[in-house]
Amino acid sequence: MSETIFHKIINREIPADVVYEDEHLIAFRDIAPQAPVHVLFVPKQTFPTLNDVPEEEAIVVGRLATAAARYAKAQGFAESGYRIVMNCNEDGGQTVFQIHLHLLAGAPLGRFGTELG
């Protein structure tokens, strides 16, 4: 698998506004935010898409979600609400092929998806 921009951030080859890091994951502000708060949570293990995460590694996804929840609580917007999103492949909106979780908050987020009918 080729190295993505996220791998370069993890390896400190390019700068990012890192807001959290531990031995399993890194979190940083999105450079093209879609909400007042837009943070990406990225595992340090390489999985191009959610489809590539084996069942025995499901904890990787759980770590991303719980880290996002901890961040929301620490930043004081957990009670007012936030959204977490994982995109998978091109039709799902994935543009960087290393799994990651988007945390969006800071304003009413409304509906999402495409209108049907």
Protein backbone atom coordinates (compact mmCIF):
# COMPACT_ATOMS: atom_id res chain seq x y z
CA MET A 1 0.00 0.00 0.00
CA SER A 2 1.24 3.47 -0.79
CA GLU A 3 1.86 5.99 1.95
CA THR A 4 -0.94 8.53 2.39
CA ILE A 5 -0.88 12.08 3.66
CA PHE A 6 -2.07 10.68 7.00
CA HIS A 7 0.96 8.39 7.23
CA LYS A 8 3.16 11.42 6.58
CA ILE A 9 1.43 13.26 9.44
CA ILE A 10 1.85 10.26 11.76
CA ASN A 11 5.56 10.11 10.82
CA ARG A 12 5.93 13.88 11.28
CA GLU A 13 7.01 14.32 7.67
CA ILE A 14 4.43 17.07 7.21
CA PRO A 15 2.92 19.37 9.85
CA ALA A 16 -0.59 19.12 11.25
CA ASP A 17 -2.51 20.73 14.09
CA VAL A 18 -2.43 17.66 16.35
CA VAL A 19 -4.97 17.76 19.18
CA TYR A 20 -4.50 14.23 20.55
CA GLU A 21 -2.10 11.33 20.19
CA ASP A 22 -1.44 8.05 21.94
CA GLU A 23 0.24 4.78 20.99
CA HIS A 24 -2.74 3.72 18.86
CA LEU A 25 -3.96 6.83 17.06
CA ILE A 26 -3.47 10.47 16.21
CA ALA A 27 -6.08 13.24 15.94
CA PHE A 28 -5.67 16.53 14.12
CA ARG A 29 -7.77 19.38 12.76
CA ASP A 30 -9.01 18.97 9.19
CA ILE A 31 -7.41 21.47 6.79
CA ALA A 32 -10.76 21.94 4.99
CA PRO A 33 -13.25 21.94 7.89
CA GLN A 34 -16.90 21.18 7.21
CA ALA A 35 -18.00 22.47 10.65
CA PRO A 36 -16.55 24.85 13.26
CA VAL A 37 -14.95 21.78 14.86
CA HIS A 38 -13.66 19.19 12.39
CA VAL A 39 -11.06 16.77 13.77
CA LEU A 40 -9.80 13.60 12.10
CA PHE A 41 -8.97 10.54 14.21
CA VAL A 42 -6.57 8.18 12.42
CA PRO A 43 -5.22 4.83 13.63
CA LYS A 44 -1.50 4.22 13.42
CA GLN A 45 -2.20 0.77 11.98
CA THR A 46 -2.68 0.79 8.22
CA PHE A 47 -6.09 -0.12 6.83
CA PRO A 48 -7.00 1.53 3.51
CA THR A 49 -10.78 1.27 4.03
CA LEU A 50 -13.19 0.11 6.67
CA ASN A 51 -13.68 -3.00 4.51
CA ASP A 52 -10.04 -3.89 5.18
CA VAL A 53 -10.35 -4.03 8.98
CA PRO A 54 -10.50 -7.70 10.00
CA GLU A 55 -13.03 -8.65 12.66
CA GLU A 56 -10.23 -9.50 15.07
CA GLU A 57 -9.02 -5.88 14.77
CA ALA A 58 -12.44 -4.26 15.36
CA ILE A 59 -11.01 -2.60 18.47
CA VAL A 60 -9.24 -0.17 16.11
CA VAL A 61 -12.59 1.35 15.13
CA GLY A 62 -13.74 1.39 18.75
CA ARG A 63 -10.62 3.29 19.78
CA LEU A 64 -11.33 5.96 17.17
CA ALA A 65 -14.92 6.40 18.37
CA THR A 66 -14.09 6.50 22.07
CA ALA A 67 -11.18 8.90 21.50
CA ALA A 68 -13.58 11.20 19.63
CA ALA A 69 -16.07 11.02 22.52
CA ARG A 70 -13.33 11.80 25.06
CA TYR A 71 -12.24 14.77 22.96
CA ALA A 72 -15.84 16.05 22.71
CA LYS A 73 -16.23 15.81 26.49
CA ALA A 74 -12.87 17.49 27.14
CA GLN A 75 -13.68 20.34 24.75
CA GLY A 76 -17.12 20.90 26.28
CA PHE A 77 -19.40 20.16 23.33
CA ALA A 78 -20.38 16.55 24.09
CA GLU A 79 -23.68 17.58 25.70
CA SER A 80 -24.74 19.91 22.89
CA GLY A 81 -23.89 17.24 20.34
CA TYR A 82 -21.49 16.14 17.66
CA ARG A 83 -21.35 13.79 14.70
CA ILE A 84 -18.81 11.09 13.89
CA VAL A 85 -18.51 9.84 10.32
CA MET A 86 -16.41 7.22 8.56
CA ASN A 87 -16.43 7.21 4.76
CA CYS A 88 -15.69 4.04 2.82
CA ASN A 89 -14.48 4.04 -0.78
CA GLU A 90 -15.21 6.60 -3.47
CA ASP A 91 -19.02 6.53 -3.50
CA GLY A 92 -18.92 6.84 0.28
CA GLY A 93 -16.84 10.00 0.02
CA GLN A 94 -13.46 8.58 1.04
CA THR A 95 -10.58 10.56 -0.48
CA VAL A 96 -7.64 9.42 1.67
CA PHE A 97 -7.23 5.66 1.72
CA GLN A 98 -6.29 5.16 5.34
CA ILE A 99 -9.31 4.67 7.61
CA HIS A 100 -10.19 7.68 9.67
CA LEU A 101 -13.08 9.07 11.64
CA HIS A 102 -14.38 12.62 11.25
CA LEU A 103 -15.61 14.44 14.36
CA LEU A 104 -17.86 17.37 13.45
CA ALA A 105 -19.31 19.82 15.98
CA GLY A 106 -19.70 23.42 17.00
CA ALA A 107 -22.98 24.19 15.20
CA PRO A 108 -26.29 22.47 14.41
CA LEU A 109 -25.31 19.91 11.75
CA GLY A 110 -28.73 19.18 10.28
CA ARG A 111 -29.43 16.29 7.95
CA PHE A 112 -26.91 14.53 5.77
CA GLY A 113 -26.93 12.26 2.75
CA THR A 114 -28.70 12.67 -0.56
CA GLU A 115 -32.34 13.52 -1.06
CA LEU A 116 -34.33 10.55 -2.34
CA GLY A 117 -37.28 10.85 -4.69
